[in-house]
Amino acid sequence: MIEIRVFTHPTCATCPNAIQMVQRLAEQDSQVQMRLVSLATANGREIAKAANVLSVPTIFVNETRFVGVPKWDDLLQAVAREKSSTDDNG
């Protein structure tokens, strides 16, 4: 399973685009799971601080970080890299 974390905030203008993109990917790929982290909550801010997230949207595909809304192909490539590294380790 590949977890994609999407750091968002309710006042963020581009966050809905990032969320929709990751949701679309999760719908197309059963190995992908989306986890939303809202900086509007204390818990979300703690998680963001630990991950050194300074702006939203920020998307993590495991260790790969995208600040802003990534290109669709870049997101797919990051997921493909994670799948191949999982195959190598497993």
PDB file of N, CA and C in Angstrom:
ATOM      1  N   MET A   1       0.846  -1.192   0.000  1.00  0.00           N
ATOM      2  CA  MET A   1       0.000   0.000   0.000  1.00  0.00           C
ATOM      3  C   MET A   1       0.888   1.252   0.000  1.00  0.00           C
ATOM      4  N   ILE A   2       0.554   2.186  -0.837  1.00  0.00           N
ATOM      5  CA  ILE A   2       1.274   3.449  -0.895  1.00  0.00           C
ATOM      6  C   ILE A   2       0.354   4.531  -0.353  1.00  0.00           C
ATOM      7  N   GLU A   3       0.781   5.149   0.740  1.00  0.00           N
ATOM      8  CA  GLU A   3      -0.014   6.222   1.336  1.00  0.00           C
ATOM      9  C   GLU A   3       0.485   7.561   0.811  1.00  0.00           C
ATOM     10  N   ILE A   4      -0.450   8.326   0.264  1.00  0.00           N
ATOM     11  CA  ILE A   4      -0.125   9.679  -0.185  1.00  0.00           C
ATOM     12  C   ILE A   4      -0.751  10.634   0.816  1.00  0.00           C
ATOM     13  N   ARG A   5       0.111  11.406   1.485  1.00  0.00           N
ATOM     14  CA  ARG A   5      -0.381  12.391   2.462  1.00  0.00           C
ATOM     15  C   ARG A   5      -0.534  13.739   1.774  1.00  0.00           C
ATOM     16  N   VAL A   6      -1.707  14.344   1.951  1.00  0.00           N
ATOM     17  CA  VAL A   6      -1.986  15.647   1.369  1.00  0.00           C
ATOM     18  C   VAL A   6      -2.211  16.628   2.516  1.00  0.00           C
ATOM     19  N   PHE A   7      -1.294  17.573   2.673  1.00  0.00           N
ATOM     20  CA  PHE A   7      -1.403  18.597   3.704  1.00  0.00           C
ATOM     21  C   PHE A   7      -2.194  19.762   3.132  1.00  0.00           C
ATOM     22  N   THR A   8      -3.278  20.131   3.830  1.00  0.00           N
ATOM     23  CA  THR A   8      -4.195  21.147   3.318  1.00  0.00           C
ATOM     24  C   THR A   8      -4.591  22.122   4.418  1.00  0.00           C
ATOM     25  N   HIS A   9      -5.316  23.146   4.011  1.00  0.00           N
ATOM     26  CA  HIS A   9      -5.943  24.075   4.945  1.00  0.00           C
ATOM     27  C   HIS A   9      -7.229  24.566   4.286  1.00  0.00           C
ATOM     28  N   PRO A  10      -8.299  24.772   5.067  1.00  0.00           N
ATOM     29  CA  PRO A  10      -9.578  25.191   4.481  1.00  0.00           C
ATOM     30  C   PRO A  10      -9.507  26.490   3.666  1.00  0.00           C
ATOM     31  N   THR A  11      -8.580  27.380   3.985  1.00  0.00           N
ATOM     32  CA  THR A  11      -8.510  28.647   3.250  1.00  0.00           C
ATOM     33  C   THR A  11      -7.609  28.569   2.013  1.00  0.00           C
ATOM     34  N   CYS A  12      -7.024  27.421   1.768  1.00  0.00           N
ATOM     35  CA  CYS A  12      -6.094  27.246   0.643  1.00  0.00           C
ATOM     36  C   CYS A  12      -6.863  27.169  -0.676  1.00  0.00           C
ATOM     37  N   ALA A  13      -6.492  28.038  -1.610  1.00  0.00           N
ATOM     38  CA  ALA A  13      -7.212  28.115  -2.886  1.00  0.00           C
ATOM     39  C   ALA A  13      -6.898  26.949  -3.828  1.00  0.00           C
ATOM     40  N   THR A  14      -5.671  26.424  -3.768  1.00  0.00           N
ATOM     41  CA  THR A  14      -5.288  25.362  -4.701  1.00  0.00           C
ATOM     42  C   THR A  14      -5.377  23.962  -4.093  1.00  0.00           C
ATOM     43  N   CYS A  15      -5.639  23.883  -2.799  1.00  0.00           N
ATOM     44  CA  CYS A  15      -5.732  22.574  -2.136  1.00  0.00           C
ATOM     45  C   CYS A  15      -6.805  21.664  -2.743  1.00  0.00           C
ATOM     46  N   PRO A  16      -7.995  22.177  -3.080  1.00  0.00           N
ATOM     47  CA  PRO A  16      -8.991  21.272  -3.680  1.00  0.00           C
ATOM     48  C   PRO A  16      -8.489  20.588  -4.951  1.00  0.00           C
ATOM     49  N   ASN A  17      -7.688  21.293  -5.759  1.00  0.00           N
ATOM     50  CA  ASN A  17      -7.127  20.665  -6.965  1.00  0.00           C
ATOM     51  C   ASN A  17      -6.199  19.518  -6.593  1.00  0.00           C
ATOM     52  N   ALA A  18      -5.359  19.731  -5.595  1.00  0.00           N
ATOM     53  CA  ALA A  18      -4.429  18.693  -5.154  1.00  0.00           C
ATOM     54  C   ALA A  18      -5.189  17.487  -4.606  1.00  0.00           C
ATOM     55  N   ILE A  19      -6.219  17.752  -3.805  1.00  0.00           N
ATOM     56  CA  ILE A  19      -7.022  16.674  -3.221  1.00  0.00           C
ATOM     57  C   ILE A  19      -7.708  15.866  -4.326  1.00  0.00           C
ATOM     58  N   GLN A  20      -8.302  16.565  -5.297  1.00  0.00           N
ATOM     59  CA  GLN A  20      -8.994  15.869  -6.389  1.00  0.00           C
ATOM     60  C   GLN A  20      -8.031  15.011  -7.195  1.00  0.00           C
ATOM     61  N   MET A  21      -6.818  15.516  -7.406  1.00  0.00           N
ATOM     62  CA  MET A  21      -5.825  14.770  -8.171  1.00  0.00           C
ATOM     63  C   MET A  21      -5.459  13.472  -7.453  1.00  0.00           C
ATOM     64  N   VAL A  22      -5.210  13.552  -6.156  1.00  0.00           N
ATOM     65  CA  VAL A  22      -4.824  12.357  -5.404  1.00  0.00           C
ATOM     66  C   VAL A  22      -6.009  11.408  -5.269  1.00  0.00           C
ATOM     67  N   GLN A  23      -7.228  11.952  -5.099  1.00  0.00           N
ATOM     68  CA  GLN A  23      -8.418  11.097  -5.046  1.00  0.00           C
ATOM     69  C   GLN A  23      -8.574  10.324  -6.350  1.00  0.00           C
ATOM     70  N   ARG A  24      -8.365  11.008  -7.468  1.00  0.00           N
ATOM     71  CA  ARG A  24      -8.474  10.369  -8.779  1.00  0.00           C
ATOM     72  C   ARG A  24      -7.457   9.231  -8.897  1.00  0.00           C
ATOM     73  N   LEU A  25      -6.251   9.484  -8.444  1.00  0.00           N
ATOM     74  CA  LEU A  25      -5.211   8.463  -8.496  1.00  0.00           C
ATOM     75  C   LEU A  25      -5.576   7.269  -7.611  1.00  0.00           C
ATOM     76  N   ALA A  26      -6.087   7.541  -6.419  1.00  0.00           N
ATOM     77  CA  ALA A  26      -6.478   6.467  -5.496  1.00  0.00           C
ATOM     78  C   ALA A  26      -7.630   5.642  -6.072  1.00  0.00           C
ATOM     79  N   GLU A  27      -8.534   6.289  -6.804  1.00  0.00           N
ATOM     80  CA  GLU A  27      -9.642   5.559  -7.431  1.00  0.00           C
ATOM     81  C   GLU A  27      -9.142   4.660  -8.556  1.00  0.00           C
ATOM     82  N   GLN A  28      -8.095   5.114  -9.257  1.00  0.00           N
ATOM     83  CA  GLN A  28      -7.568   4.349 -10.393  1.00  0.00           C
ATOM     84  C   GLN A  28      -6.631   3.234  -9.963  1.00  0.00           C
ATOM     85  N   ASP A  29      -6.020   3.372  -8.801  1.00  0.00           N
ATOM     86  CA  ASP A  29      -4.976   2.438  -8.373  1.00  0.00           C
ATOM     87  C   ASP A  29      -5.287   1.929  -6.970  1.00  0.00           C
ATOM     88  N   SER A  30      -5.602   0.652  -6.867  1.00  0.00           N
ATOM     89  CA  SER A  30      -6.007   0.089  -5.577  1.00  0.00           C
ATOM     90  C   SER A  30      -4.863   0.054  -4.565  1.00  0.00           C
ATOM     91  N   GLN A  31      -3.620   0.237  -5.015  1.00  0.00           N
ATOM     92  CA  GLN A  31      -2.482   0.230  -4.102  1.00  0.00           C
ATOM     93  C   GLN A  31      -2.250   1.596  -3.463  1.00  0.00           C
ATOM     94  N   VAL A  32      -2.992   2.609  -3.912  1.00  0.00           N
ATOM     95  CA  VAL A  32      -2.804   3.976  -3.425  1.00  0.00           C
ATOM     96  C   VAL A  32      -3.919   4.335  -2.454  1.00  0.00           C
ATOM     97  N   GLN A  33      -3.517   4.927  -1.341  1.00  0.00           N
ATOM     98  CA  GLN A  33      -4.465   5.391  -0.331  1.00  0.00           C
ATOM     99  C   GLN A  33      -4.141   6.845  -0.005  1.00  0.00           C
ATOM    100  N   MET A  34      -5.157   7.687   0.077  1.00  0.00           N
ATOM    101  CA  MET A  34      -4.948   9.091   0.399  1.00  0.00           C
ATOM    102  C   MET A  34      -5.192   9.337   1.878  1.00  0.00           C
ATOM    103  N   ARG A  35      -4.336  10.156   2.476  1.00  0.00           N
ATOM    104  CA  ARG A  35      -4.520  10.586   3.861  1.00  0.00           C
ATOM    105  C   ARG A  35      -4.468  12.105   3.885  1.00  0.00           C
ATOM    106  N   LEU A  36      -5.584  12.720   4.246  1.00  0.00           N
ATOM    107  CA  LEU A  36      -5.642  14.180   4.346  1.00  0.00           C
ATOM    108  C   LEU A  36      -5.151  14.620   5.712  1.00  0.00           C
ATOM    109  N   VAL A  37      -4.323  15.649   5.722  1.00  0.00           N
ATOM    110  CA  VAL A  37      -3.843  16.231   6.971  1.00  0.00           C
ATOM    111  C   VAL A  37      -4.181  17.721   6.915  1.00  0.00           C
ATOM    112  N   SER A  38      -5.128  18.146   7.746  1.00  0.00           N
ATOM    113  CA  SER A  38      -5.565  19.547   7.741  1.00  0.00           C
ATOM    114  C   SER A  38      -4.798  20.355   8.774  1.00  0.00           C
ATOM    115  N   LEU A  39      -4.187  21.443   8.313  1.00  0.00           N
ATOM    116  CA  LEU A  39      -3.465  22.320   9.216  1.00  0.00           C
ATOM    117  C   LEU A  39      -4.420  23.202  10.027  1.00  0.00           C
ATOM    118  N   ALA A  40      -5.721  22.993   9.844  1.00  0.00           N
ATOM    119  CA  ALA A  40      -6.709  23.708  10.649  1.00  0.00           C
ATOM    120  C   ALA A  40      -6.897  23.039  12.009  1.00  0.00           C
ATOM    121  N   THR A  41      -6.304  21.852  12.182  1.00  0.00           N
ATOM    122  CA  THR A  41      -6.425  21.152  13.463  1.00  0.00           C
ATOM    123  C   THR A  41      -5.076  21.136  14.167  1.00  0.00           C
ATOM    124  N   ALA A  42      -5.101  21.045  15.480  1.00  0.00           N
ATOM    125  CA  ALA A  42      -3.862  20.995  16.256  1.00  0.00           C
ATOM    126  C   ALA A  42      -3.046  19.760  15.883  1.00  0.00           C
ATOM    127  N   ASN A  43      -3.718  18.620  15.742  1.00  0.00           N
ATOM    128  CA  ASN A  43      -3.033  17.386  15.357  1.00  0.00           C
ATOM    129  C   ASN A  43      -2.389  17.533  13.977  1.00  0.00           C
ATOM    130  N   GLY A  44      -3.118  18.125  13.044  1.00  0.00           N
ATOM    131  CA  GLY A  44      -2.585  18.339  11.701  1.00  0.00           C
ATOM    132  C   GLY A  44      -1.365  19.234  11.710  1.00  0.00           C
ATOM    133  N   ARG A  45      -1.396  20.272  12.539  1.00  0.00           N
ATOM    134  CA  ARG A  45      -0.237  21.173  12.642  1.00  0.00           C
ATOM    135  C   ARG A  45       0.977  20.456  13.229  1.00  0.00           C
ATOM    136  N   GLU A  46       0.746  19.571  14.196  1.00  0.00           N
ATOM    137  CA  GLU A  46       1.846  18.798  14.773  1.00  0.00           C
ATOM    138  C   GLU A  46       2.480  17.872  13.729  1.00  0.00           C
ATOM    139  N   ILE A  47       1.633  17.199  12.950  1.00  0.00           N
ATOM    140  CA  ILE A  47       2.134  16.307  11.899  1.00  0.00           C
ATOM    141  C   ILE A  47       2.905  17.118  10.859  1.00  0.00           C
ATOM    142  N   ALA A  48       2.366  18.284  10.491  1.00  0.00           N
ATOM    143  CA  ALA A  48       3.033  19.148   9.513  1.00  0.00           C
ATOM    144  C   ALA A  48       4.380  19.626  10.036  1.00  0.00           C
ATOM    145  N   LYS A  49       4.414  19.995  11.307  1.00  0.00           N
ATOM    146  CA  LYS A  49       5.672  20.461  11.909  1.00  0.00           C
ATOM    147  C   LYS A  49       6.718  19.355  11.877  1.00  0.00           C
ATOM    148  N   ALA A  50       6.313  18.144  12.224  1.00  0.00           N
ATOM    149  CA  ALA A  50       7.237  17.008  12.222  1.00  0.00           C
ATOM    150  C   ALA A  50       7.760  16.717  10.820  1.00  0.00           C
ATOM    151  N   ALA A  51       6.930  16.979   9.802  1.00  0.00           N
ATOM    152  CA  ALA A  51       7.323  16.720   8.414  1.00  0.00           C
ATOM    153  C   ALA A  51       7.955  17.948   7.760  1.00  0.00           C
ATOM    154  N   ASN A  52       8.095  19.030   8.536  1.00  0.00           N
ATOM    155  CA  ASN A  52       8.678  20.273   8.031  1.00  0.00           C
ATOM    156  C   ASN A  52       7.879  20.844   6.856  1.00  0.00           C
ATOM    157  N   VAL A  53       6.552  20.790   6.969  1.00  0.00           N
ATOM    158  CA  VAL A  53       5.671  21.342   5.942  1.00  0.00           C
ATOM    159  C   VAL A  53       5.447  22.811   6.268  1.00  0.00           C
ATOM    160  N   LEU A  54       5.804  23.678   5.335  1.00  0.00           N
ATOM    161  CA  LEU A  54       5.710  25.124   5.560  1.00  0.00           C
ATOM    162  C   LEU A  54       4.631  25.785   4.725  1.00  0.00           C
ATOM    163  N   SER A  55       4.120  25.086   3.713  1.00  0.00           N
ATOM    164  CA  SER A  55       3.063  25.671   2.887  1.00  0.00           C
ATOM    165  C   SER A  55       2.127  24.566   2.404  1.00  0.00           C
ATOM    166  N   VAL A  56       0.936  24.972   2.005  1.00  0.00           N
ATOM    167  CA  VAL A  56      -0.062  24.024   1.511  1.00  0.00           C
ATOM    168  C   VAL A  56      -0.483  24.433   0.102  1.00  0.00           C
ATOM    169  N   PRO A  57      -0.850  23.489  -0.736  1.00  0.00           N
ATOM    170  CA  PRO A  57      -0.794  22.056  -0.477  1.00  0.00           C
ATOM    171  C   PRO A  57       0.632  21.524  -0.552  1.00  0.00           C
ATOM    172  N   THR A  58       0.923  20.560   0.298  1.00  0.00           N
ATOM    173  CA  THR A  58       2.143  19.769   0.196  1.00  0.00           C
ATOM    174  C   THR A  58       1.702  18.316   0.151  1.00  0.00           C
ATOM    175  N   ILE A  59       2.274  17.582  -0.795  1.00  0.00           N
ATOM    176  CA  ILE A  59       1.910  16.184  -0.994  1.00  0.00           C
ATOM    177  C   ILE A  59       3.154  15.325  -0.814  1.00  0.00           C
ATOM    178  N   PHE A  60       3.004  14.265  -0.026  1.00  0.00           N
ATOM    179  CA  PHE A  60       4.081  13.295   0.135  1.00  0.00           C
ATOM    180  C   PHE A  60       3.652  11.966  -0.453  1.00  0.00           C
ATOM    181  N   VAL A  61       4.478  11.443  -1.356  1.00  0.00           N
ATOM    182  CA  VAL A  61       4.352  10.057  -1.789  1.00  0.00           C
ATOM    183  C   VAL A  61       5.507   9.360  -1.094  1.00  0.00           C
ATOM    184  N   ASN A  62       5.223   8.794   0.076  1.00  0.00           N
ATOM    185  CA  ASN A  62       6.238   8.326   1.012  1.00  0.00           C
ATOM    186  C   ASN A  62       7.243   9.454   1.257  1.00  0.00           C
ATOM    187  N   GLU A  63       8.474   9.358   0.760  1.00  0.00           N
ATOM    188  CA  GLU A  63       9.461  10.407   1.042  1.00  0.00           C
ATOM    189  C   GLU A  63       9.517  11.496  -0.026  1.00  0.00           C
ATOM    190  N   THR A  64       8.874  11.277  -1.164  1.00  0.00           N
ATOM    191  CA  THR A  64       8.885  12.276  -2.240  1.00  0.00           C
ATOM    192  C   THR A  64       7.916  13.391  -1.892  1.00  0.00           C
ATOM    193  N   ARG A  65       8.415  14.628  -1.911  1.00  0.00           N
ATOM    194  CA  ARG A  65       7.611  15.785  -1.506  1.00  0.00           C
ATOM    195  C   ARG A  65       7.304  16.661  -2.727  1.00  0.00           C
ATOM    196  N   PHE A  66       6.034  17.045  -2.828  1.00  0.00           N
ATOM    197  CA  PHE A  66       5.607  18.026  -3.823  1.00  0.00           C
ATOM    198  C   PHE A  66       5.024  19.212  -3.068  1.00  0.00           C
ATOM    199  N   VAL A  67       5.535  20.401  -3.336  1.00  0.00           N
ATOM    200  CA  VAL A  67       4.968  21.612  -2.753  1.00  0.00           C
ATOM    201  C   VAL A  67       4.150  22.273  -3.849  1.00  0.00           C
ATOM    202  N   GLY A  68       2.868  22.509  -3.566  1.00  0.00           N
ATOM    203  CA  GLY A  68       1.962  22.995  -4.598  1.00  0.00           C
ATOM    204  C   GLY A  68       1.291  21.811  -5.269  1.00  0.00           C
ATOM    205  N   VAL A  69       0.567  22.086  -6.339  1.00  0.00           N
ATOM    206  CA  VAL A  69      -0.130  21.022  -7.067  1.00  0.00           C
ATOM    207  C   VAL A  69       0.836  20.453  -8.099  1.00  0.00           C
ATOM    208  N   PRO A  70       1.181  19.178  -7.970  1.00  0.00           N
ATOM    209  CA  PRO A  70       2.139  18.601  -8.925  1.00  0.00           C
ATOM    210  C   PRO A  70       1.491  18.346 -10.283  1.00  0.00           C
ATOM    211  N   LYS A  71       2.343  18.150 -11.270  1.00  0.00           N
ATOM    212  CA  LYS A  71       1.849  17.692 -12.569  1.00  0.00           C
ATOM    213  C   LYS A  71       1.409  16.244 -12.394  1.00  0.00           C
ATOM    214  N   TRP A  72       0.352  15.866 -13.102  1.00  0.00           N
ATOM    215  CA  TRP A  72      -0.195  14.516 -13.026  1.00  0.00           C
ATOM    216  C   TRP A  72       0.891  13.476 -13.289  1.00  0.00           C
ATOM    217  N   ASP A  73       1.688  13.693 -14.346  1.00  0.00           N
ATOM    218  CA  ASP A  73       2.727  12.727 -14.704  1.00  0.00           C
ATOM    219  C   ASP A  73       3.785  12.606 -13.612  1.00  0.00           C
ATOM    220  N   ASP A  74       4.114  13.713 -12.959  1.00  0.00           N
ATOM    221  CA  ASP A  74       5.101  13.670 -11.875  1.00  0.00           C
ATOM    222  C   ASP A  74       4.583  12.845 -10.702  1.00  0.00           C
ATOM    223  N   LEU A  75       3.296  12.993 -10.411  1.00  0.00           N
ATOM    224  CA  LEU A  75       2.676  12.226  -9.335  1.00  0.00           C
ATOM    225  C   LEU A  75       2.684  10.731  -9.685  1.00  0.00           C
ATOM    226  N   LEU A  76       2.328  10.410 -10.928  1.00  0.00           N
ATOM    227  CA  LEU A  76       2.343   9.011 -11.365  1.00  0.00           C
ATOM    228  C   LEU A  76       3.748   8.423 -11.284  1.00  0.00           C
ATOM    229  N   GLN A  77       4.755   9.204 -11.672  1.00  0.00           N
ATOM    230  CA  GLN A  77       6.141   8.726 -11.619  1.00  0.00           C
ATOM    231  C   GLN A  77       6.574   8.451 -10.184  1.00  0.00           C
ATOM    232  N   ALA A  78       6.175   9.331  -9.261  1.00  0.00           N
ATOM    233  CA  ALA A  78       6.526   9.127  -7.852  1.00  0.00           C
ATOM    234  C   ALA A  78       5.901   7.842  -7.319  1.00  0.00           C
ATOM    235  N   VAL A  79       4.654   7.585  -7.689  1.00  0.00           N
ATOM    236  CA  VAL A  79       3.981   6.353  -7.258  1.00  0.00           C
ATOM    237  C   VAL A  79       4.665   5.139  -7.884  1.00  0.00           C
ATOM    238  N   ALA A  80       5.016   5.247  -9.158  1.00  0.00           N
ATOM    239  CA  ALA A  80       5.695   4.130  -9.832  1.00  0.00           C
ATOM    240  C   ALA A  80       7.043   3.832  -9.173  1.00  0.00           C
ATOM    241  N   ARG A  81       7.774   4.887  -8.790  1.00  0.00           N
ATOM    242  CA  ARG A  81       9.051   4.681  -8.096  1.00  0.00           C
ATOM    243  C   ARG A  81       8.836   3.956  -6.776  1.00  0.00           C
ATOM    244  N   GLU A  82       7.805   4.345  -6.039  1.00  0.00           N
ATOM    245  CA  GLU A  82       7.517   3.693  -4.758  1.00  0.00           C
ATOM    246  C   GLU A  82       7.151   2.229  -4.964  1.00  0.00           C
ATOM    247  N   LYS A  83       6.384   1.958  -6.013  1.00  0.00           N
ATOM    248  CA  LYS A  83       6.012   0.568  -6.290  1.00  0.00           C
ATOM    249  C   LYS A  83       7.245  -0.259  -6.607  1.00  0.00           C
ATOM    250  N   SER A  84       8.154   0.275  -7.402  1.00  0.00           N
ATOM    251  CA  SER A  84       9.343  -0.493  -7.767  1.00  0.00           C
ATOM    252  C   SER A  84      10.270  -0.672  -6.562  1.00  0.00           C
ATOM    253  N   SER A  85      10.362   0.320  -5.694  1.00  0.00           N
ATOM    254  CA  SER A  85      11.212   0.163  -4.510  1.00  0.00           C
ATOM    255  C   SER A  85      10.587  -0.831  -3.530  1.00  0.00           C
ATOM    256  N   THR A  86       9.268  -0.881  -3.475  1.00  0.00           N
ATOM    257  CA  THR A  86       8.581  -1.857  -2.637  1.00  0.00           C
ATOM    258  C   THR A  86       8.815  -3.254  -3.179  1.00  0.00           C
ATOM    259  N   ASP A  87       8.780  -3.392  -4.520  1.00  0.00           N
ATOM    260  CA  ASP A  87       9.043  -4.690  -5.147  1.00  0.00           C
ATOM    261  C   ASP A  87      10.460  -5.154  -4.852  1.00  0.00           C
ATOM    262  N   ASP A  88      11.422  -4.218  -4.887  1.00  0.00           N
ATOM    263  CA  ASP A  88      12.821  -4.553  -4.642  1.00  0.00           C
ATOM    264  C   ASP A  88      13.025  -5.041  -3.210  1.00  0.00           C
ATOM    265  N   ASN A  89      12.284  -4.427  -2.279  1.00  0.00           N
ATOM    266  CA  ASN A  89      12.476  -4.746  -0.852  1.00  0.00           C
ATOM    267  C   ASN A  89      11.653  -5.961  -0.408  1.00  0.00           C
ATOM    268  N   GLY A  90      10.626  -6.290  -1.175  1.00  0.00           N
ATOM    269  CA  GLY A  90       9.726  -7.301  -0.688  1.00  0.00           C
ATOM    270  C   GLY A  90       9.906  -8.610  -1.331  1.00  0.00           C
TER     271      GLY A  90
END
